[in-house]
N, C-alpha and C. Protein backbone atom coordinates (compact mmCIF):
# COMPACT_ATOMS: atom_id res chain seq x y z
N MET A 1 44.19 15.51 -30.54
CA MET A 1 43.23 15.74 -31.59
C MET A 1 41.85 15.84 -30.95
N THR A 2 41.10 16.84 -31.33
CA THR A 2 39.76 17.01 -30.76
C THR A 2 38.72 16.65 -31.79
N THR A 3 37.62 16.15 -31.32
CA THR A 3 36.51 15.82 -32.21
C THR A 3 35.37 16.76 -31.93
N GLY A 4 34.44 16.85 -32.86
CA GLY A 4 33.31 17.77 -32.71
C GLY A 4 32.20 17.21 -31.83
N ALA A 5 32.32 15.95 -31.40
CA ALA A 5 31.25 15.34 -30.61
C ALA A 5 31.30 15.87 -29.18
N PRO A 6 30.17 16.27 -28.63
CA PRO A 6 30.17 16.75 -27.24
C PRO A 6 30.38 15.59 -26.27
N PRO A 7 30.93 15.87 -25.10
CA PRO A 7 31.16 14.78 -24.13
C PRO A 7 29.80 14.23 -23.65
N PRO A 8 29.76 12.93 -23.35
CA PRO A 8 28.48 12.34 -22.92
C PRO A 8 28.03 12.95 -21.60
N ALA A 9 26.73 13.24 -21.53
CA ALA A 9 26.18 13.86 -20.31
C ALA A 9 26.02 12.79 -19.23
N ALA A 10 26.32 13.20 -18.00
CA ALA A 10 26.15 12.27 -16.87
C ALA A 10 24.66 12.07 -16.62
N PRO A 11 24.26 10.83 -16.29
CA PRO A 11 22.84 10.60 -16.04
C PRO A 11 22.36 11.38 -14.83
N GLN A 12 21.16 11.95 -14.94
CA GLN A 12 20.58 12.75 -13.86
C GLN A 12 20.11 11.83 -12.73
N ARG A 13 20.40 12.25 -11.50
CA ARG A 13 19.93 11.50 -10.34
C ARG A 13 18.49 11.87 -10.06
N SER A 14 17.72 10.90 -9.64
CA SER A 14 16.32 11.18 -9.34
C SER A 14 16.22 12.03 -8.08
N ARG A 15 15.07 12.68 -7.91
CA ARG A 15 14.87 13.54 -6.75
C ARG A 15 14.92 12.75 -5.46
N ALA A 16 14.34 11.55 -5.49
CA ALA A 16 14.31 10.74 -4.26
C ALA A 16 15.72 10.40 -3.80
N ARG A 17 16.63 10.15 -4.75
CA ARG A 17 18.00 9.80 -4.37
C ARG A 17 18.74 10.98 -3.76
N LYS A 18 18.25 12.19 -4.01
CA LYS A 18 18.86 13.37 -3.38
C LYS A 18 18.21 13.64 -2.03
N ILE A 19 16.88 13.48 -1.96
CA ILE A 19 16.14 13.89 -0.76
C ILE A 19 16.25 12.87 0.36
N VAL A 20 16.20 11.57 0.02
CA VAL A 20 16.18 10.53 1.06
C VAL A 20 17.43 10.57 1.95
N PRO A 21 18.65 10.65 1.40
CA PRO A 21 19.81 10.72 2.31
C PRO A 21 19.79 11.96 3.21
N LEU A 22 19.33 13.09 2.67
CA LEU A 22 19.23 14.30 3.48
C LEU A 22 18.19 14.13 4.59
N GLY A 23 17.07 13.50 4.25
CA GLY A 23 16.03 13.26 5.25
C GLY A 23 16.50 12.34 6.36
N ILE A 24 17.26 11.30 5.99
CA ILE A 24 17.78 10.37 7.01
C ILE A 24 18.79 11.08 7.91
N ALA A 25 19.65 11.91 7.30
CA ALA A 25 20.63 12.64 8.11
C ALA A 25 19.94 13.61 9.07
N LEU A 26 18.90 14.31 8.58
CA LEU A 26 18.16 15.24 9.43
C LEU A 26 17.45 14.50 10.57
N TRP A 27 16.88 13.33 10.24
CA TRP A 27 16.19 12.52 11.26
C TRP A 27 17.18 12.07 12.35
N LEU A 28 18.37 11.62 11.95
CA LEU A 28 19.37 11.18 12.93
C LEU A 28 19.82 12.33 13.84
N VAL A 29 20.02 13.52 13.23
CA VAL A 29 20.42 14.68 14.04
C VAL A 29 19.32 15.03 15.04
N LEU A 30 18.06 15.03 14.59
CA LEU A 30 16.94 15.32 15.49
C LEU A 30 16.82 14.30 16.62
N GLU A 31 17.01 13.01 16.28
CA GLU A 31 16.94 11.96 17.31
C GLU A 31 18.01 12.17 18.38
N ILE A 32 19.24 12.45 17.95
CA ILE A 32 20.34 12.65 18.91
C ILE A 32 20.08 13.90 19.75
N TRP A 33 19.61 14.98 19.10
CA TRP A 33 19.32 16.22 19.83
C TRP A 33 18.23 15.99 20.89
N LEU A 34 17.15 15.27 20.52
CA LEU A 34 16.08 15.01 21.48
C LEU A 34 16.56 14.16 22.65
N LEU A 35 17.40 13.17 22.36
CA LEU A 35 17.93 12.33 23.44
C LEU A 35 18.80 13.16 24.39
N THR A 36 19.59 14.08 23.85
CA THR A 36 20.41 14.91 24.73
C THR A 36 19.55 15.87 25.55
N VAL A 37 18.47 16.39 24.95
CA VAL A 37 17.56 17.28 25.69
C VAL A 37 16.91 16.54 26.84
N VAL A 38 16.44 15.31 26.56
CA VAL A 38 15.81 14.50 27.63
C VAL A 38 16.85 14.15 28.70
N ALA A 39 18.07 13.84 28.29
CA ALA A 39 19.12 13.50 29.26
C ALA A 39 19.47 14.69 30.14
N GLU A 40 19.48 15.91 29.55
CA GLU A 40 19.75 17.10 30.36
C GLU A 40 18.59 17.42 31.30
N ALA A 41 17.36 17.19 30.83
CA ALA A 41 16.19 17.50 31.67
C ALA A 41 16.05 16.50 32.81
N THR A 42 16.39 15.26 32.58
CA THR A 42 16.29 14.24 33.63
C THR A 42 17.69 13.78 34.01
N ASN A 43 18.06 12.62 33.52
CA ASN A 43 19.45 12.13 33.65
C ASN A 43 19.69 11.04 32.62
N ALA A 44 20.91 10.62 32.49
CA ALA A 44 21.27 9.64 31.46
C ALA A 44 20.62 8.30 31.72
N LEU A 45 20.39 7.97 33.00
CA LEU A 45 19.77 6.68 33.33
C LEU A 45 18.34 6.60 32.79
N THR A 46 17.63 7.72 32.80
CA THR A 46 16.26 7.75 32.26
C THR A 46 16.27 7.48 30.76
N VAL A 47 17.21 8.07 30.05
CA VAL A 47 17.30 7.86 28.60
C VAL A 47 17.62 6.40 28.30
N VAL A 48 18.55 5.82 29.06
CA VAL A 48 18.89 4.40 28.86
C VAL A 48 17.66 3.52 29.14
N ALA A 49 16.93 3.83 30.22
CA ALA A 49 15.72 3.06 30.54
C ALA A 49 14.67 3.19 29.45
N LEU A 50 14.51 4.42 28.89
CA LEU A 50 13.57 4.61 27.78
C LEU A 50 13.96 3.78 26.56
N LEU A 51 15.24 3.77 26.23
CA LEU A 51 15.70 3.03 25.05
C LEU A 51 15.53 1.52 25.25
N ILE A 52 15.84 1.03 26.44
CA ILE A 52 15.70 -0.41 26.70
C ILE A 52 14.22 -0.80 26.70
N GLY A 53 13.38 0.02 27.34
CA GLY A 53 11.94 -0.27 27.36
C GLY A 53 11.34 -0.26 25.98
N ALA A 54 11.76 0.72 25.14
CA ALA A 54 11.26 0.78 23.77
C ALA A 54 11.70 -0.44 22.97
N GLY A 55 12.93 -0.88 23.19
CA GLY A 55 13.40 -2.08 22.48
C GLY A 55 12.61 -3.32 22.86
N ILE A 56 12.30 -3.47 24.15
CA ILE A 56 11.51 -4.63 24.60
C ILE A 56 10.10 -4.56 24.05
N LEU A 57 9.45 -3.36 24.13
CA LEU A 57 8.10 -3.21 23.61
C LEU A 57 8.05 -3.47 22.11
N GLY A 58 9.03 -2.96 21.37
CA GLY A 58 9.07 -3.18 19.92
C GLY A 58 9.22 -4.64 19.56
N SER A 59 10.07 -5.37 20.31
CA SER A 59 10.24 -6.80 20.01
C SER A 59 8.96 -7.58 20.31
N VAL A 60 8.22 -7.19 21.37
CA VAL A 60 6.95 -7.85 21.68
C VAL A 60 5.94 -7.60 20.56
N VAL A 61 5.90 -6.36 20.06
CA VAL A 61 4.95 -6.02 18.98
C VAL A 61 5.30 -6.78 17.70
N VAL A 62 6.58 -6.85 17.37
CA VAL A 62 7.00 -7.57 16.16
C VAL A 62 6.68 -9.05 16.27
N LYS A 63 6.91 -9.63 17.45
CA LYS A 63 6.60 -11.04 17.66
C LYS A 63 5.09 -11.29 17.51
N ARG A 64 4.28 -10.38 18.07
CA ARG A 64 2.82 -10.52 17.98
C ARG A 64 2.36 -10.41 16.52
N ALA A 65 2.96 -9.46 15.78
CA ALA A 65 2.60 -9.31 14.36
C ALA A 65 2.97 -10.55 13.56
N GLY A 66 4.13 -11.15 13.88
CA GLY A 66 4.52 -12.38 13.20
C GLY A 66 3.57 -13.53 13.50
N ARG A 67 3.14 -13.63 14.76
CA ARG A 67 2.17 -14.68 15.10
C ARG A 67 0.85 -14.47 14.38
N ARG A 68 0.40 -13.20 14.31
CA ARG A 68 -0.85 -12.92 13.60
C ARG A 68 -0.73 -13.27 12.12
N ALA A 69 0.41 -12.95 11.52
CA ALA A 69 0.61 -13.27 10.11
C ALA A 69 0.59 -14.77 9.88
N PHE A 70 1.23 -15.54 10.78
CA PHE A 70 1.23 -16.99 10.65
C PHE A 70 -0.18 -17.55 10.84
N ARG A 71 -0.93 -17.00 11.82
CA ARG A 71 -2.29 -17.45 12.04
C ARG A 71 -3.19 -17.15 10.84
N ASN A 72 -3.03 -15.96 10.25
CA ASN A 72 -3.81 -15.61 9.07
C ASN A 72 -3.50 -16.53 7.90
N LEU A 73 -2.22 -16.87 7.74
CA LEU A 73 -1.83 -17.77 6.66
C LEU A 73 -2.44 -19.15 6.86
N SER A 74 -2.37 -19.68 8.09
CA SER A 74 -2.93 -21.01 8.32
C SER A 74 -4.45 -21.01 8.17
N GLU A 75 -5.14 -19.91 8.58
CA GLU A 75 -6.58 -19.83 8.39
C GLU A 75 -6.94 -19.78 6.91
N THR A 76 -6.15 -19.06 6.13
CA THR A 76 -6.40 -18.97 4.69
C THR A 76 -6.23 -20.34 4.03
N LEU A 77 -5.20 -21.08 4.44
CA LEU A 77 -4.99 -22.41 3.87
C LEU A 77 -6.11 -23.37 4.26
N GLN A 78 -6.56 -23.30 5.52
CA GLN A 78 -7.67 -24.15 5.95
C GLN A 78 -8.94 -23.80 5.20
N GLN A 79 -9.16 -22.50 4.97
CA GLN A 79 -10.34 -22.06 4.23
C GLN A 79 -10.31 -22.59 2.80
N ALA A 80 -9.13 -22.55 2.17
CA ALA A 80 -9.00 -23.05 0.81
C ALA A 80 -9.26 -24.55 0.75
N GLN A 81 -8.79 -25.30 1.75
CA GLN A 81 -9.06 -26.74 1.78
C GLN A 81 -10.54 -27.01 1.96
N ARG A 82 -11.20 -26.21 2.84
CA ARG A 82 -12.65 -26.40 3.04
C ARG A 82 -13.42 -26.10 1.77
N ARG A 83 -13.00 -25.06 1.04
CA ARG A 83 -13.70 -24.71 -0.19
C ARG A 83 -13.48 -25.75 -1.28
N GLN A 84 -12.33 -26.44 -1.25
CA GLN A 84 -12.12 -27.51 -2.22
C GLN A 84 -13.05 -28.67 -1.94
N GLN A 85 -13.26 -28.97 -0.66
CA GLN A 85 -14.15 -30.08 -0.31
C GLN A 85 -15.62 -29.69 -0.49
N ASP A 86 -15.99 -28.47 -0.10
CA ASP A 86 -17.36 -28.01 -0.19
C ASP A 86 -17.36 -26.62 -0.82
N PRO A 87 -17.65 -26.51 -2.15
CA PRO A 87 -17.59 -25.20 -2.81
C PRO A 87 -18.60 -24.19 -2.27
N ASP A 88 -19.69 -24.67 -1.63
CA ASP A 88 -20.71 -23.75 -1.11
C ASP A 88 -20.44 -23.33 0.32
N ALA A 89 -19.27 -23.67 0.87
CA ALA A 89 -18.96 -23.30 2.26
C ALA A 89 -18.84 -21.79 2.36
N PRO A 90 -19.33 -21.20 3.47
CA PRO A 90 -19.24 -19.74 3.61
C PRO A 90 -17.79 -19.29 3.75
N GLU A 91 -17.54 -18.11 3.22
CA GLU A 91 -16.18 -17.57 3.23
C GLU A 91 -16.06 -16.61 4.40
N ASN A 92 -15.10 -16.88 5.30
CA ASN A 92 -14.90 -16.00 6.44
C ASN A 92 -14.10 -14.78 6.01
N ALA A 93 -14.59 -13.61 6.39
CA ALA A 93 -13.87 -12.38 6.06
C ALA A 93 -12.68 -12.24 6.98
N ASN A 94 -11.55 -11.89 6.41
CA ASN A 94 -10.34 -11.70 7.21
C ASN A 94 -10.36 -10.30 7.81
N THR A 95 -10.54 -10.22 9.12
CA THR A 95 -10.71 -8.93 9.77
C THR A 95 -9.40 -8.28 10.13
N SER A 96 -8.30 -9.00 10.10
CA SER A 96 -7.04 -8.40 10.53
C SER A 96 -6.42 -7.66 9.36
N SER A 97 -6.50 -6.33 9.42
CA SER A 97 -5.90 -5.52 8.38
C SER A 97 -4.76 -4.72 8.98
N GLY A 98 -3.79 -4.40 8.16
CA GLY A 98 -2.67 -3.60 8.63
C GLY A 98 -1.65 -4.37 9.43
N ASN A 99 -1.51 -5.67 9.18
CA ASN A 99 -0.53 -6.46 9.93
C ASN A 99 0.89 -6.01 9.59
N GLY A 100 1.12 -5.62 8.35
CA GLY A 100 2.43 -5.11 7.97
C GLY A 100 2.76 -3.81 8.67
N PHE A 101 1.75 -2.96 8.85
CA PHE A 101 1.97 -1.70 9.56
C PHE A 101 2.20 -1.95 11.05
N LEU A 102 1.59 -3.01 11.59
CA LEU A 102 1.85 -3.36 12.99
C LEU A 102 3.31 -3.76 13.17
N MET A 103 3.82 -4.55 12.21
CA MET A 103 5.22 -4.94 12.28
C MET A 103 6.15 -3.74 12.08
N LEU A 104 5.77 -2.84 11.17
CA LEU A 104 6.56 -1.62 10.96
C LEU A 104 6.57 -0.77 12.22
N GLY A 105 5.43 -0.68 12.90
CA GLY A 105 5.37 0.06 14.15
C GLY A 105 6.30 -0.52 15.19
N GLY A 106 6.32 -1.86 15.30
CA GLY A 106 7.22 -2.51 16.24
C GLY A 106 8.68 -2.25 15.91
N LEU A 107 9.01 -2.27 14.61
CA LEU A 107 10.40 -2.01 14.21
C LEU A 107 10.79 -0.57 14.51
N LEU A 108 9.85 0.37 14.29
CA LEU A 108 10.16 1.77 14.60
C LEU A 108 10.36 1.98 16.09
N ILE A 109 9.58 1.27 16.91
CA ILE A 109 9.75 1.40 18.36
C ILE A 109 11.09 0.81 18.79
N MET A 110 11.51 -0.26 18.13
CA MET A 110 12.79 -0.88 18.48
C MET A 110 13.98 0.01 18.16
N LEU A 111 13.84 0.86 17.14
CA LEU A 111 14.95 1.75 16.78
C LEU A 111 15.21 2.73 17.93
N PRO A 112 16.47 2.98 18.25
CA PRO A 112 16.75 3.94 19.32
C PRO A 112 16.42 5.36 18.88
N GLY A 113 15.57 6.02 19.63
CA GLY A 113 15.19 7.39 19.30
C GLY A 113 13.74 7.65 19.68
N LEU A 114 13.44 8.91 19.97
CA LEU A 114 12.10 9.26 20.43
C LEU A 114 11.14 9.54 19.28
N ILE A 115 11.62 10.08 18.16
CA ILE A 115 10.74 10.35 17.02
C ILE A 115 10.25 9.05 16.42
N SER A 116 11.16 8.08 16.23
CA SER A 116 10.75 6.79 15.69
C SER A 116 9.80 6.08 16.64
N ASP A 117 10.02 6.25 17.96
CA ASP A 117 9.10 5.65 18.94
C ASP A 117 7.70 6.25 18.81
N ALA A 118 7.64 7.57 18.60
CA ALA A 118 6.34 8.23 18.47
C ALA A 118 5.59 7.73 17.24
N PHE A 119 6.30 7.62 16.10
CA PHE A 119 5.65 7.11 14.89
C PHE A 119 5.24 5.64 15.07
N GLY A 120 6.08 4.87 15.74
CA GLY A 120 5.74 3.47 15.99
C GLY A 120 4.51 3.33 16.87
N LEU A 121 4.41 4.17 17.90
CA LEU A 121 3.23 4.12 18.78
C LEU A 121 1.97 4.55 18.03
N ILE A 122 2.09 5.51 17.11
CA ILE A 122 0.92 5.90 16.30
C ILE A 122 0.46 4.73 15.44
N LEU A 123 1.42 3.96 14.91
CA LEU A 123 1.05 2.81 14.07
C LEU A 123 0.42 1.67 14.87
N LEU A 124 0.52 1.71 16.19
CA LEU A 124 -0.12 0.67 17.00
C LEU A 124 -1.62 0.89 17.15
N ILE A 125 -2.12 2.08 16.79
CA ILE A 125 -3.55 2.37 16.90
C ILE A 125 -4.27 1.69 15.73
N PRO A 126 -5.25 0.78 16.01
CA PRO A 126 -5.90 0.02 14.93
C PRO A 126 -6.56 0.86 13.84
N PRO A 127 -7.31 1.95 14.16
CA PRO A 127 -7.91 2.73 13.06
C PRO A 127 -6.86 3.35 12.13
N VAL A 128 -5.74 3.76 12.68
CA VAL A 128 -4.66 4.34 11.85
C VAL A 128 -4.11 3.27 10.91
N ARG A 129 -3.90 2.07 11.45
CA ARG A 129 -3.37 0.97 10.62
C ARG A 129 -4.34 0.62 9.49
N SER A 130 -5.63 0.51 9.81
CA SER A 130 -6.59 0.13 8.76
C SER A 130 -6.72 1.22 7.71
N LEU A 131 -6.68 2.51 8.13
CA LEU A 131 -6.74 3.61 7.17
C LEU A 131 -5.52 3.59 6.25
N LEU A 132 -4.34 3.40 6.83
CA LEU A 132 -3.12 3.37 6.02
C LEU A 132 -3.11 2.18 5.07
N SER A 133 -3.56 1.01 5.54
CA SER A 133 -3.54 -0.17 4.67
C SER A 133 -4.52 -0.01 3.51
N ARG A 134 -5.69 0.62 3.76
CA ARG A 134 -6.63 0.86 2.65
C ARG A 134 -6.03 1.81 1.63
N ARG A 135 -5.37 2.88 2.11
CA ARG A 135 -4.78 3.84 1.18
C ARG A 135 -3.66 3.22 0.37
N VAL A 136 -2.82 2.43 1.02
CA VAL A 136 -1.72 1.79 0.30
C VAL A 136 -2.25 0.80 -0.73
N GLU A 137 -3.30 0.07 -0.36
CA GLU A 137 -3.89 -0.90 -1.29
C GLU A 137 -4.46 -0.20 -2.52
N ARG A 138 -5.19 0.91 -2.31
CA ARG A 138 -5.75 1.66 -3.44
C ARG A 138 -4.65 2.22 -4.32
N SER A 139 -3.61 2.78 -3.70
CA SER A 139 -2.51 3.36 -4.46
C SER A 139 -1.79 2.29 -5.28
N LEU A 140 -1.62 1.10 -4.69
CA LEU A 140 -0.95 0.00 -5.40
C LEU A 140 -1.79 -0.45 -6.59
N GLU A 141 -3.11 -0.58 -6.40
CA GLU A 141 -3.97 -0.99 -7.51
C GLU A 141 -3.95 0.04 -8.63
N ARG A 142 -3.96 1.34 -8.27
CA ARG A 142 -3.91 2.39 -9.29
C ARG A 142 -2.61 2.31 -10.08
N ARG A 143 -1.50 2.11 -9.38
CA ARG A 143 -0.21 2.04 -10.08
C ARG A 143 -0.11 0.80 -10.95
N MET A 144 -0.68 -0.30 -10.49
CA MET A 144 -0.62 -1.53 -11.29
C MET A 144 -1.45 -1.38 -12.56
N ARG A 145 -2.60 -0.72 -12.44
CA ARG A 145 -3.44 -0.53 -13.63
C ARG A 145 -2.82 0.45 -14.61
N ALA A 146 -2.07 1.43 -14.09
CA ALA A 146 -1.46 2.44 -14.96
C ALA A 146 -0.11 2.00 -15.51
N ALA A 147 0.38 0.84 -15.10
CA ALA A 147 1.70 0.37 -15.56
C ALA A 147 1.63 0.03 -17.05
N PRO A 148 2.75 0.18 -17.76
CA PRO A 148 2.76 -0.13 -19.19
C PRO A 148 2.56 -1.62 -19.44
N PRO A 149 2.03 -1.98 -20.62
CA PRO A 149 1.78 -3.39 -20.91
C PRO A 149 3.09 -4.18 -20.96
N GLY A 150 2.98 -5.44 -20.59
CA GLY A 150 4.13 -6.33 -20.60
C GLY A 150 4.85 -6.37 -19.28
N GLY A 151 4.47 -5.53 -18.34
CA GLY A 151 5.12 -5.51 -17.05
C GLY A 151 4.28 -6.19 -15.98
N LEU A 152 4.56 -5.81 -14.75
CA LEU A 152 3.84 -6.39 -13.61
C LEU A 152 2.38 -5.96 -13.61
N GLY A 153 2.11 -4.71 -14.05
CA GLY A 153 0.73 -4.22 -14.11
C GLY A 153 -0.11 -5.03 -15.07
N ASP A 154 0.48 -5.44 -16.19
CA ASP A 154 -0.25 -6.25 -17.17
C ASP A 154 -0.59 -7.60 -16.57
N ALA A 155 0.33 -8.19 -15.84
CA ALA A 155 0.06 -9.47 -15.19
C ALA A 155 -1.04 -9.33 -14.15
N PHE A 156 -1.06 -8.18 -13.44
CA PHE A 156 -2.10 -7.92 -12.44
C PHE A 156 -3.46 -7.82 -13.11
N GLN A 157 -3.53 -7.10 -14.25
CA GLN A 157 -4.81 -6.98 -14.94
C GLN A 157 -5.28 -8.32 -15.48
N GLN A 158 -4.37 -9.14 -16.00
CA GLN A 158 -4.75 -10.45 -16.49
C GLN A 158 -5.26 -11.33 -15.36
N ALA A 159 -4.64 -11.23 -14.20
CA ALA A 159 -5.10 -12.02 -13.05
C ALA A 159 -6.48 -11.57 -12.61
N GLN A 160 -6.74 -10.25 -12.66
CA GLN A 160 -8.07 -9.75 -12.29
C GLN A 160 -9.12 -10.23 -13.28
N GLN A 161 -8.78 -10.26 -14.58
CA GLN A 161 -9.74 -10.69 -15.58
C GLN A 161 -9.93 -12.20 -15.58
N ALA A 162 -8.94 -12.95 -15.14
CA ALA A 162 -9.02 -14.40 -15.18
C ALA A 162 -9.87 -14.97 -14.06
N ARG A 163 -10.19 -14.17 -13.06
CA ARG A 163 -11.01 -14.68 -11.95
C ARG A 163 -12.43 -14.88 -12.45
N MET A 164 -12.87 -16.11 -12.42
CA MET A 164 -14.23 -16.42 -12.84
C MET A 164 -15.13 -16.38 -11.63
N LYS A 165 -16.23 -15.61 -11.74
CA LYS A 165 -17.13 -15.47 -10.61
C LYS A 165 -18.51 -15.99 -10.96
N ARG A 166 -19.18 -16.53 -9.95
CA ARG A 166 -20.56 -16.94 -10.12
C ARG A 166 -21.44 -15.70 -10.03
N PRO A 167 -22.73 -15.81 -10.42
CA PRO A 167 -23.61 -14.64 -10.34
C PRO A 167 -23.74 -14.08 -8.92
N ASP A 168 -23.59 -14.92 -7.90
CA ASP A 168 -23.71 -14.41 -6.53
C ASP A 168 -22.41 -13.77 -6.05
N GLY A 169 -21.37 -13.69 -6.89
CA GLY A 169 -20.15 -13.00 -6.53
C GLY A 169 -19.06 -13.89 -5.97
N LYS A 170 -19.34 -15.17 -5.75
CA LYS A 170 -18.32 -16.06 -5.19
C LYS A 170 -17.40 -16.56 -6.29
N VAL A 171 -16.17 -16.77 -5.94
CA VAL A 171 -15.17 -17.26 -6.90
C VAL A 171 -15.35 -18.76 -7.09
N VAL A 172 -15.37 -19.18 -8.33
CA VAL A 172 -15.50 -20.60 -8.64
C VAL A 172 -14.09 -21.17 -8.79
N GLN A 173 -13.78 -22.15 -7.96
CA GLN A 173 -12.46 -22.77 -8.06
C GLN A 173 -12.57 -24.03 -8.90
N GLY A 174 -11.57 -24.26 -9.67
CA GLY A 174 -11.56 -25.46 -10.50
C GLY A 174 -10.25 -25.58 -11.24
N GLU A 175 -10.13 -26.64 -11.99
CA GLU A 175 -8.93 -26.83 -12.79
C GLU A 175 -9.34 -27.44 -14.12
N VAL A 176 -8.55 -27.17 -15.13
CA VAL A 176 -8.81 -27.68 -16.47
C VAL A 176 -7.98 -28.93 -16.67
N ILE A 177 -8.66 -29.99 -17.06
CA ILE A 177 -7.96 -31.25 -17.34
C ILE A 177 -8.12 -31.53 -18.83
N LYS A 178 -6.99 -31.66 -19.50
CA LYS A 178 -7.01 -31.90 -20.94
C LYS A 178 -6.60 -33.34 -21.19
N ASN A 179 -7.50 -34.10 -21.78
CA ASN A 179 -7.20 -35.50 -22.08
C ASN A 179 -6.68 -35.57 -23.52
N ASP A 180 -5.39 -35.71 -23.65
CA ASP A 180 -4.79 -35.87 -24.97
C ASP A 180 -4.68 -37.35 -25.27
N GLU A 181 -5.28 -37.73 -26.37
CA GLU A 181 -5.16 -39.13 -26.77
C GLU A 181 -3.86 -39.29 -27.54
N PRO A 182 -3.16 -40.37 -27.28
CA PRO A 182 -1.89 -40.56 -28.01
C PRO A 182 -2.15 -40.74 -29.51
N ALA A 183 -1.24 -40.19 -30.28
CA ALA A 183 -1.37 -40.30 -31.75
C ALA A 183 -1.11 -41.75 -32.17
N PRO A 184 -1.84 -42.21 -33.19
CA PRO A 184 -1.62 -43.60 -33.64
C PRO A 184 -0.22 -43.77 -34.21
N ARG A 185 0.35 -44.92 -33.94
CA ARG A 185 1.71 -45.21 -34.43
C ARG A 185 1.68 -45.52 -35.91
N ARG A 186 2.65 -44.97 -36.62
CA ARG A 186 2.74 -45.23 -38.06
C ARG A 186 4.01 -46.01 -38.37
N ASP A 187 3.97 -46.63 -39.47
CA ASP A 187 5.17 -47.35 -39.91
C ASP A 187 6.23 -46.35 -40.33
N PRO A 188 7.50 -46.63 -40.02
CA PRO A 188 8.55 -45.68 -40.41
C PRO A 188 8.66 -45.51 -41.91
N GLY A 189 8.26 -46.49 -42.68
CA GLY A 189 8.39 -46.41 -44.14
C GLY A 189 7.33 -45.52 -44.77
N GLN A 190 6.24 -45.24 -44.09
CA GLN A 190 5.17 -44.44 -44.68
C GLN A 190 5.55 -42.98 -44.82
N ASP A 191 6.33 -42.46 -43.92
CA ASP A 191 6.67 -41.04 -43.95
C ASP A 191 7.73 -40.71 -45.00
N GLY A 192 8.36 -41.68 -45.55
CA GLY A 192 9.41 -41.41 -46.52
C GLY A 192 10.75 -41.25 -45.81
N PRO A 193 11.76 -40.83 -46.55
CA PRO A 193 13.10 -40.68 -45.93
C PRO A 193 13.09 -39.52 -44.93
N ARG A 194 13.83 -39.70 -43.90
CA ARG A 194 13.94 -38.65 -42.88
C ARG A 194 15.09 -37.71 -43.23
N PRO A 195 14.93 -36.41 -42.88
CA PRO A 195 16.03 -35.48 -43.17
C PRO A 195 17.19 -35.73 -42.24
N PRO A 196 18.37 -35.30 -42.63
CA PRO A 196 19.54 -35.50 -41.74
C PRO A 196 19.39 -34.64 -40.49
N LEU A 197 20.04 -35.08 -39.40
CA LEU A 197 19.93 -34.39 -38.12
C LEU A 197 20.66 -33.04 -38.15
N ALA A 198 21.80 -32.99 -38.80
CA ALA A 198 22.58 -31.74 -38.84
C ALA A 198 22.45 -31.12 -40.22
N PRO A 199 22.41 -29.77 -40.31
CA PRO A 199 22.30 -29.14 -41.64
C PRO A 199 23.55 -29.29 -42.46
């Protein structure tokens, strides 16, 4: 028996889900082709030495980025403690920008392949990292502000509005303490009969 209802349409795949696997496959083919070209031009030992050297350099960069991230975190915590003790203490500007891109560069260098090594080495240049981190930060703020209400963007806007600033631009830290006085005790007979617990 047939019904007049059309069959349900399959959900459409997004463009990124189609393009990303193709891009990864193309990147892998290019990496293998470049390695074979270098091996033919020199020898296989050179390619192995390049891959091992890139792996060591990438691990050193990733370790350095992790140390910088830990140092930045500890400096931020110390700064917050100093500001709690002395609200007028000067605020040190955090000059290390693009730490995430430094770690990404190290990971790209660690991956076997010459194209990923080239991109990783480009990310090791400080002006490139700072430019990329500024662009990503601006793009993230734009997307958060354009997000529909009730989502993560709404929480971001509320957090931006909740920051109380002094006229000189410094953030005032504090906490609200609410002193609730206990309600006076009443005699049980004053309220009258109590309703039953279950309906």
